[in-house]
């Protein structure tokens, strides 16, 4: 079985690439719907398990502001990296 070793610096760089991308903040929700459609084999009446999706892919802690929201202006403000328009 392959073993993966994550380099925190590489992960951080990847996350900043996502933050810096000009992508709508609801894009992760779109990805969830696409994932469900592929998994279930249909695109009508999908049960969008919003909380479970964000818990799986974006939850970073169990207290205040528990989710990382990479496609938001707030993320850029709180990171100290500034905002580019």
PDB file of N, CA and C in Angstrom:
ATOM      1  N   UNK A   1       0.842  -1.170   0.000  1.00  0.00           N
ATOM      2  CA  UNK A   1       0.000   0.000   0.000  1.00  0.00           C
ATOM      3  C   UNK A   1       0.896   1.245   0.000  1.00  0.00           C
ATOM      4  N   UNK A   2       0.611   2.214  -0.886  1.00  0.00           N
ATOM      5  CA  UNK A   2       1.442   3.418  -0.933  1.00  0.00           C
ATOM      6  C   UNK A   2       1.300   4.231   0.356  1.00  0.00           C
ATOM      7  N   UNK A   3       2.372   4.879   0.706  1.00  0.00           N
ATOM      8  CA  UNK A   3       2.362   5.755   1.870  1.00  0.00           C
ATOM      9  C   UNK A   3       2.676   7.167   1.387  1.00  0.00           C
ATOM     10  N   UNK A   4       1.857   8.121   1.798  1.00  0.00           N
ATOM     11  CA  UNK A   4       2.016   9.500   1.378  1.00  0.00           C
ATOM     12  C   UNK A   4       2.531  10.336   2.540  1.00  0.00           C
ATOM     13  N   UNK A   5       3.517  11.164   2.264  1.00  0.00           N
ATOM     14  CA  UNK A   5       4.053  12.073   3.267  1.00  0.00           C
ATOM     15  C   UNK A   5       3.733  13.486   2.793  1.00  0.00           C
ATOM     16  N   UNK A   6       2.941  14.187   3.583  1.00  0.00           N
ATOM     17  CA  UNK A   6       2.537  15.538   3.208  1.00  0.00           C
ATOM     18  C   UNK A   6       3.557  16.554   3.720  1.00  0.00           C
ATOM     19  N   UNK A   7       3.957  17.441   2.847  1.00  0.00           N
ATOM     20  CA  UNK A   7       4.860  18.524   3.218  1.00  0.00           C
ATOM     21  C   UNK A   7       3.999  19.738   3.532  1.00  0.00           C
ATOM     22  N   UNK A   8       3.970  20.190   4.787  1.00  0.00           N
ATOM     23  CA  UNK A   8       3.103  21.324   5.164  1.00  0.00           C
ATOM     24  C   UNK A   8       3.332  22.568   4.310  1.00  0.00           C
ATOM     25  N   UNK A   9       4.557  22.813   3.897  1.00  0.00           N
ATOM     26  CA  UNK A   9       4.842  23.990   3.068  1.00  0.00           C
ATOM     27  C   UNK A   9       4.180  23.866   1.691  1.00  0.00           C
ATOM     28  N   UNK A  10       4.222  22.677   1.122  1.00  0.00           N
ATOM     29  CA  UNK A  10       3.584  22.443  -0.177  1.00  0.00           C
ATOM     30  C   UNK A  10       2.070  22.593  -0.043  1.00  0.00           C
ATOM     31  N   UNK A  11       1.505  22.023   1.022  1.00  0.00           N
ATOM     32  CA  UNK A  11       0.059  22.142   1.255  1.00  0.00           C
ATOM     33  C   UNK A  11      -0.327  23.602   1.409  1.00  0.00           C
ATOM     34  N   UNK A  12       0.446  24.350   2.184  1.00  0.00           N
ATOM     35  CA  UNK A  12       0.157  25.771   2.370  1.00  0.00           C
ATOM     36  C   UNK A  12       0.211  26.517   1.037  1.00  0.00           C
ATOM     37  N   UNK A  13       1.203  26.250   0.226  1.00  0.00           N
ATOM     38  CA  UNK A  13       1.292  26.898  -1.088  1.00  0.00           C
ATOM     39  C   UNK A  13       0.084  26.560  -1.951  1.00  0.00           C
ATOM     40  N   UNK A  14      -0.342  25.307  -1.912  1.00  0.00           N
ATOM     41  CA  UNK A  14      -1.518  24.899  -2.687  1.00  0.00           C
ATOM     42  C   UNK A  14      -2.769  25.624  -2.201  1.00  0.00           C
ATOM     43  N   UNK A  15      -2.923  25.733  -0.890  1.00  0.00           N
ATOM     44  CA  UNK A  15      -4.095  26.429  -0.353  1.00  0.00           C
ATOM     45  C   UNK A  15      -4.083  27.890  -0.764  1.00  0.00           C
ATOM     46  N   UNK A  16      -2.916  28.538  -0.747  1.00  0.00           N
ATOM     47  CA  UNK A  16      -2.862  29.940  -1.182  1.00  0.00           C
ATOM     48  C   UNK A  16      -3.150  30.065  -2.669  1.00  0.00           C
ATOM     49  N   UNK A  17      -2.788  29.089  -3.469  1.00  0.00           N
ATOM     50  CA  UNK A  17      -3.161  29.118  -4.890  1.00  0.00           C
ATOM     51  C   UNK A  17      -4.670  29.110  -5.042  1.00  0.00           C
ATOM     52  N   UNK A  18      -5.352  28.320  -4.214  1.00  0.00           N
ATOM     53  CA  UNK A  18      -6.812  28.284  -4.246  1.00  0.00           C
ATOM     54  C   UNK A  18      -7.388  29.622  -3.780  1.00  0.00           C
ATOM     55  N   UNK A  19      -6.845  30.158  -2.686  1.00  0.00           N
ATOM     56  CA  UNK A  19      -7.333  31.436  -2.155  1.00  0.00           C
ATOM     57  C   UNK A  19      -7.157  32.545  -3.192  1.00  0.00           C
ATOM     58  N   UNK A  20      -6.031  32.555  -3.871  1.00  0.00           N
ATOM     59  CA  UNK A  20      -5.737  33.619  -4.834  1.00  0.00           C
ATOM     60  C   UNK A  20      -6.519  33.489  -6.136  1.00  0.00           C
ATOM     61  N   UNK A  21      -7.083  32.330  -6.398  1.00  0.00           N
ATOM     62  CA  UNK A  21      -7.862  32.130  -7.627  1.00  0.00           C
ATOM     63  C   UNK A  21      -9.149  32.954  -7.561  1.00  0.00           C
ATOM     64  N   UNK A  22      -9.547  33.485  -8.675  1.00  0.00           N
ATOM     65  CA  UNK A  22     -10.782  34.264  -8.729  1.00  0.00           C
ATOM     66  C   UNK A  22     -11.938  33.307  -9.001  1.00  0.00           C
ATOM     67  N   UNK A  23     -12.373  32.642  -7.935  1.00  0.00           N
ATOM     68  CA  UNK A  23     -13.417  31.634  -8.019  1.00  0.00           C
ATOM     69  C   UNK A  23     -14.535  32.029  -7.061  1.00  0.00           C
ATOM     70  N   UNK A  24     -15.777  31.848  -7.484  1.00  0.00           N
ATOM     71  CA  UNK A  24     -16.924  32.181  -6.636  1.00  0.00           C
ATOM     72  C   UNK A  24     -16.913  31.336  -5.376  1.00  0.00           C
ATOM     73  N   UNK A  25     -17.299  31.921  -4.248  1.00  0.00           N
ATOM     74  CA  UNK A  25     -17.237  31.208  -2.967  1.00  0.00           C
ATOM     75  C   UNK A  25     -18.176  30.014  -2.890  1.00  0.00           C
ATOM     76  N   UNK A  26     -19.165  29.910  -3.786  1.00  0.00           N
ATOM     77  CA  UNK A  26     -20.072  28.764  -3.775  1.00  0.00           C
ATOM     78  C   UNK A  26     -19.574  27.610  -4.650  1.00  0.00           C
ATOM     79  N   UNK A  27     -18.412  27.754  -5.232  1.00  0.00           N
ATOM     80  CA  UNK A  27     -17.856  26.709  -6.089  1.00  0.00           C
ATOM     81  C   UNK A  27     -17.748  25.358  -5.380  1.00  0.00           C
ATOM     82  N   UNK A  28     -17.336  25.310  -4.105  1.00  0.00           N
ATOM     83  CA  UNK A  28     -17.310  23.997  -3.440  1.00  0.00           C
ATOM     84  C   UNK A  28     -18.686  23.320  -3.410  1.00  0.00           C
ATOM     85  N   UNK A  29     -19.764  24.093  -3.262  1.00  0.00           N
ATOM     86  CA  UNK A  29     -21.108  23.521  -3.307  1.00  0.00           C
ATOM     87  C   UNK A  29     -21.407  22.923  -4.670  1.00  0.00           C
ATOM     88  N   UNK A  30     -20.980  23.609  -5.722  1.00  0.00           N
ATOM     89  CA  UNK A  30     -21.136  23.085  -7.082  1.00  0.00           C
ATOM     90  C   UNK A  30     -20.388  21.758  -7.220  1.00  0.00           C
ATOM     91  N   UNK A  31     -19.175  21.702  -6.682  1.00  0.00           N
ATOM     92  CA  UNK A  31     -18.407  20.456  -6.743  1.00  0.00           C
ATOM     93  C   UNK A  31     -19.120  19.328  -6.008  1.00  0.00           C
ATOM     94  N   UNK A  32     -19.777  19.665  -4.907  1.00  0.00           N
ATOM     95  CA  UNK A  32     -20.533  18.660  -4.158  1.00  0.00           C
ATOM     96  C   UNK A  32     -21.663  18.104  -5.019  1.00  0.00           C
ATOM     97  N   UNK A  33     -22.396  18.982  -5.685  1.00  0.00           N
ATOM     98  CA  UNK A  33     -23.506  18.541  -6.534  1.00  0.00           C
ATOM     99  C   UNK A  33     -22.978  17.673  -7.676  1.00  0.00           C
ATOM    100  N   UNK A  34     -21.868  18.094  -8.291  1.00  0.00           N
ATOM    101  CA  UNK A  34     -21.269  17.288  -9.367  1.00  0.00           C
ATOM    102  C   UNK A  34     -20.838  15.912  -8.841  1.00  0.00           C
ATOM    103  N   UNK A  35     -20.274  15.881  -7.662  1.00  0.00           N
ATOM    104  CA  UNK A  35     -19.843  14.627  -7.059  1.00  0.00           C
ATOM    105  C   UNK A  35     -21.035  13.705  -6.811  1.00  0.00           C
ATOM    106  N   UNK A  36     -22.124  14.269  -6.282  1.00  0.00           N
ATOM    107  CA  UNK A  36     -23.325  13.481  -6.041  1.00  0.00           C
ATOM    108  C   UNK A  36     -23.908  12.938  -7.345  1.00  0.00           C
ATOM    109  N   UNK A  37     -23.956  13.774  -8.376  1.00  0.00           N
ATOM    110  CA  UNK A  37     -24.509  13.345  -9.661  1.00  0.00           C
ATOM    111  C   UNK A  37     -23.692  12.191 -10.239  1.00  0.00           C
ATOM    112  N   UNK A  38     -22.383  12.284 -10.129  1.00  0.00           N
ATOM    113  CA  UNK A  38     -21.526  11.208 -10.634  1.00  0.00           C
ATOM    114  C   UNK A  38     -21.727   9.931  -9.811  1.00  0.00           C
ATOM    115  N   UNK A  39     -21.770  10.087  -8.499  1.00  0.00           N
ATOM    116  CA  UNK A  39     -21.939   8.927  -7.621  1.00  0.00           C
ATOM    117  C   UNK A  39     -23.281   8.236  -7.831  1.00  0.00           C
ATOM    118  N   UNK A  40     -24.364   9.049  -7.933  1.00  0.00           N
ATOM    119  CA  UNK A  40     -25.716   8.494  -8.011  1.00  0.00           C
ATOM    120  C   UNK A  40     -26.153   8.166  -9.435  1.00  0.00           C
ATOM    121  N   UNK A  41     -25.461   8.716 -10.443  1.00  0.00           N
ATOM    122  CA  UNK A  41     -25.778   8.405 -11.828  1.00  0.00           C
ATOM    123  C   UNK A  41     -26.961   9.174 -12.397  1.00  0.00           C
ATOM    124  N   UNK A  42     -27.402  10.238 -11.714  1.00  0.00           N
ATOM    125  CA  UNK A  42     -28.469  11.083 -12.251  1.00  0.00           C
ATOM    126  C   UNK A  42     -28.290  12.507 -11.743  1.00  0.00           C
ATOM    127  N   UNK A  43     -28.979  13.447 -12.400  1.00  0.00           N
ATOM    128  CA  UNK A  43     -28.799  14.860 -12.059  1.00  0.00           C
ATOM    129  C   UNK A  43     -30.069  15.523 -11.536  1.00  0.00           C
ATOM    130  N   UNK A  44     -31.160  14.805 -11.454  1.00  0.00           N
ATOM    131  CA  UNK A  44     -32.422  15.369 -10.966  1.00  0.00           C
ATOM    132  C   UNK A  44     -32.649  14.978  -9.517  1.00  0.00           C
ATOM    133  N   UNK A  45     -33.213  15.884  -8.738  1.00  0.00           N
ATOM    134  CA  UNK A  45     -33.611  15.625  -7.350  1.00  0.00           C
ATOM    135  C   UNK A  45     -32.485  15.054  -6.491  1.00  0.00           C
ATOM    136  N   UNK A  46     -31.309  15.628  -6.626  1.00  0.00           N
ATOM    137  CA  UNK A  46     -30.185  15.192  -5.802  1.00  0.00           C
ATOM    138  C   UNK A  46     -30.386  15.659  -4.365  1.00  0.00           C
ATOM    139  N   UNK A  47     -30.038  14.822  -3.422  1.00  0.00           N
ATOM    140  CA  UNK A  47     -30.087  15.182  -2.011  1.00  0.00           C
ATOM    141  C   UNK A  47     -28.725  15.769  -1.644  1.00  0.00           C
ATOM    142  N   UNK A  48     -28.649  17.088  -1.582  1.00  0.00           N
ATOM    143  CA  UNK A  48     -27.405  17.806  -1.358  1.00  0.00           C
ATOM    144  C   UNK A  48     -27.065  17.765   0.129  1.00  0.00           C
ATOM    145  N   UNK A  49     -26.138  16.918   0.488  1.00  0.00           N
ATOM    146  CA  UNK A  49     -25.722  16.755   1.881  1.00  0.00           C
ATOM    147  C   UNK A  49     -24.660  17.809   2.214  1.00  0.00           C
ATOM    148  N   UNK A  50     -25.114  19.053   2.267  1.00  0.00           N
ATOM    149  CA  UNK A  50     -24.243  20.220   2.416  1.00  0.00           C
ATOM    150  C   UNK A  50     -23.327  20.107   3.635  1.00  0.00           C
ATOM    151  N   UNK A  51     -23.896  19.873   4.825  1.00  0.00           N
ATOM    152  CA  UNK A  51     -23.096  19.815   6.051  1.00  0.00           C
ATOM    153  C   UNK A  51     -22.069  18.691   6.002  1.00  0.00           C
ATOM    154  N   UNK A  52     -22.476  17.530   5.554  1.00  0.00           N
ATOM    155  CA  UNK A  52     -21.555  16.394   5.486  1.00  0.00           C
ATOM    156  C   UNK A  52     -20.407  16.679   4.517  1.00  0.00           C
ATOM    157  N   UNK A  53     -20.724  17.303   3.383  1.00  0.00           N
ATOM    158  CA  UNK A  53     -19.689  17.636   2.401  1.00  0.00           C
ATOM    159  C   UNK A  53     -18.671  18.595   2.993  1.00  0.00           C
ATOM    160  N   UNK A  54     -19.152  19.685   3.596  1.00  0.00           N
ATOM    161  CA  UNK A  54     -18.223  20.660   4.147  1.00  0.00           C
ATOM    162  C   UNK A  54     -17.481  20.112   5.367  1.00  0.00           C
ATOM    163  N   UNK A  55     -18.117  19.250   6.157  1.00  0.00           N
ATOM    164  CA  UNK A  55     -17.411  18.612   7.263  1.00  0.00           C
ATOM    165  C   UNK A  55     -16.263  17.757   6.736  1.00  0.00           C
ATOM    166  N   UNK A  56     -16.497  17.051   5.646  1.00  0.00           N
ATOM    167  CA  UNK A  56     -15.490  16.160   5.081  1.00  0.00           C
ATOM    168  C   UNK A  56     -14.311  16.915   4.480  1.00  0.00           C
ATOM    169  N   UNK A  57     -14.589  17.981   3.729  1.00  0.00           N
ATOM    170  CA  UNK A  57     -13.534  18.621   2.950  1.00  0.00           C
ATOM    171  C   UNK A  57     -13.018  19.953   3.486  1.00  0.00           C
ATOM    172  N   UNK A  58     -13.782  20.639   4.348  1.00  0.00           N
ATOM    173  CA  UNK A  58     -13.375  21.985   4.751  1.00  0.00           C
ATOM    174  C   UNK A  58     -13.363  22.244   6.252  1.00  0.00           C
ATOM    175  N   UNK A  59     -13.770  21.284   7.066  1.00  0.00           N
ATOM    176  CA  UNK A  59     -13.786  21.519   8.512  1.00  0.00           C
ATOM    177  C   UNK A  59     -12.360  21.461   9.050  1.00  0.00           C
ATOM    178  N   UNK A  60     -11.982  22.503   9.791  1.00  0.00           N
ATOM    179  CA  UNK A  60     -10.618  22.575  10.313  1.00  0.00           C
ATOM    180  C   UNK A  60     -10.564  22.611  11.835  1.00  0.00           C
ATOM    181  N   UNK A  61     -11.719  22.833  12.489  1.00  0.00           N
ATOM    182  CA  UNK A  61     -11.757  22.837  13.956  1.00  0.00           C
ATOM    183  C   UNK A  61     -13.195  22.723  14.427  1.00  0.00           C
ATOM    184  N   UNK A  62     -13.381  22.514  15.720  1.00  0.00           N
ATOM    185  CA  UNK A  62     -14.718  22.306  16.279  1.00  0.00           C
ATOM    186  C   UNK A  62     -15.273  23.515  17.011  1.00  0.00           C
ATOM    187  N   UNK A  63     -14.664  24.666  16.892  1.00  0.00           N
ATOM    188  CA  UNK A  63     -15.156  25.858  17.577  1.00  0.00           C
ATOM    189  C   UNK A  63     -15.307  26.993  16.574  1.00  0.00           C
ATOM    190  N   UNK A  64     -15.314  28.226  17.028  1.00  0.00           N
ATOM    191  CA  UNK A  64     -15.614  29.404  16.197  1.00  0.00           C
ATOM    192  C   UNK A  64     -15.044  29.301  14.780  1.00  0.00           C
ATOM    193  N   UNK A  65     -15.875  29.631  13.807  1.00  0.00           N
ATOM    194  CA  UNK A  65     -15.495  29.576  12.392  1.00  0.00           C
ATOM    195  C   UNK A  65     -14.820  28.248  12.036  1.00  0.00           C
ATOM    196  N   UNK A  66     -15.580  27.156  12.101  1.00  0.00           N
ATOM    197  CA  UNK A  66     -14.966  25.830  11.951  1.00  0.00           C
ATOM    198  C   UNK A  66     -14.535  25.450  10.536  1.00  0.00           C
ATOM    199  N   UNK A  67     -14.941  26.214   9.519  1.00  0.00           N
ATOM    200  CA  UNK A  67     -14.655  25.810   8.143  1.00  0.00           C
ATOM    201  C   UNK A  67     -13.668  26.737   7.457  1.00  0.00           C
ATOM    202  N   UNK A  68     -12.788  26.142   6.679  1.00  0.00           N
ATOM    203  CA  UNK A  68     -11.927  26.905   5.791  1.00  0.00           C
ATOM    204  C   UNK A  68     -12.741  27.197   4.540  1.00  0.00           C
ATOM    205  N   UNK A  69     -12.883  28.459   4.193  1.00  0.00           N
ATOM    206  CA  UNK A  69     -13.647  28.863   3.012  1.00  0.00           C
ATOM    207  C   UNK A  69     -12.664  29.563   2.074  1.00  0.00           C
ATOM    208  N   UNK A  70     -12.019  28.787   1.209  1.00  0.00           N
ATOM    209  CA  UNK A  70     -10.917  29.338   0.421  1.00  0.00           C
ATOM    210  C   UNK A  70     -11.322  30.363  -0.624  1.00  0.00           C
ATOM    211  N   UNK A  71     -12.553  30.364  -1.064  1.00  0.00           N
ATOM    212  CA  UNK A  71     -12.947  31.251  -2.149  1.00  0.00           C
ATOM    213  C   UNK A  71     -13.724  32.447  -1.625  1.00  0.00           C
ATOM    214  N   UNK A  72     -13.256  33.037  -0.540  1.00  0.00           N
ATOM    215  CA  UNK A  72     -13.989  34.168   0.019  1.00  0.00           C
ATOM    216  C   UNK A  72     -13.059  35.354   0.243  1.00  0.00           C
ATOM    217  N   UNK A  73     -13.618  36.533   0.162  1.00  0.00           N
ATOM    218  CA  UNK A  73     -12.857  37.736   0.437  1.00  0.00           C
ATOM    219  C   UNK A  73     -12.423  37.747   1.904  1.00  0.00           C
ATOM    220  N   UNK A  74     -13.246  37.228   2.803  1.00  0.00           N
ATOM    221  CA  UNK A  74     -12.914  37.189   4.220  1.00  0.00           C
ATOM    222  C   UNK A  74     -11.636  36.398   4.459  1.00  0.00           C
ATOM    223  N   UNK A  75     -11.454  35.319   3.734  1.00  0.00           N
ATOM    224  CA  UNK A  75     -10.245  34.509   3.882  1.00  0.00           C
ATOM    225  C   UNK A  75      -9.015  35.354   3.557  1.00  0.00           C
ATOM    226  N   UNK A  76      -9.102  36.176   2.523  1.00  0.00           N
ATOM    227  CA  UNK A  76      -7.978  37.017   2.155  1.00  0.00           C
ATOM    228  C   UNK A  76      -7.732  38.106   3.189  1.00  0.00           C
ATOM    229  N   UNK A  77      -8.801  38.664   3.743  1.00  0.00           N
ATOM    230  CA  UNK A  77      -8.643  39.717   4.750  1.00  0.00           C
ATOM    231  C   UNK A  77      -7.994  39.146   6.004  1.00  0.00           C
ATOM    232  N   UNK A  78      -8.487  38.009   6.488  1.00  0.00           N
ATOM    233  CA  UNK A  78      -7.960  37.446   7.735  1.00  0.00           C
ATOM    234  C   UNK A  78      -6.581  36.830   7.562  1.00  0.00           C
ATOM    235  N   UNK A  79      -6.175  36.578   6.348  1.00  0.00           N
ATOM    236  CA  UNK A  79      -4.854  35.983   6.124  1.00  0.00           C
ATOM    237  C   UNK A  79      -3.744  37.021   6.171  1.00  0.00           C
ATOM    238  N   UNK A  80      -4.124  38.296   6.067  1.00  0.00           N
ATOM    239  CA  UNK A  80      -3.114  39.347   6.022  1.00  0.00           C
ATOM    240  C   UNK A  80      -2.477  39.521   4.654  1.00  0.00           C
ATOM    241  N   UNK A  81      -3.006  38.825   3.653  1.00  0.00           N
ATOM    242  CA  UNK A  81      -2.428  38.899   2.311  1.00  0.00           C
ATOM    243  C   UNK A  81      -3.048  40.010   1.484  1.00  0.00           C
ATOM    244  N   UNK A  82      -4.096  40.643   2.000  1.00  0.00           N
ATOM    245  CA  UNK A  82      -4.725  41.726   1.262  1.00  0.00           C
ATOM    246  C   UNK A  82      -5.682  41.206   0.217  1.00  0.00           C
ATOM    247  N   UNK A  83      -6.344  42.134  -0.440  1.00  0.00           N
ATOM    248  CA  UNK A  83      -7.332  41.781  -1.461  1.00  0.00           C
ATOM    249  C   UNK A  83      -6.921  42.449  -2.761  1.00  0.00           C
ATOM    250  N   UNK A  84      -6.969  41.693  -3.827  1.00  0.00           N
ATOM    251  CA  UNK A  84      -6.729  42.257  -5.152  1.00  0.00           C
ATOM    252  C   UNK A  84      -8.012  42.163  -5.933  1.00  0.00           C
ATOM    253  N   UNK A  85      -8.352  43.212  -6.603  1.00  0.00           N
ATOM    254  CA  UNK A  85      -9.588  43.210  -7.395  1.00  0.00           C
ATOM    255  C   UNK A  85      -9.274  43.083  -8.852  1.00  0.00           C
TER     256      UNK A  85
END
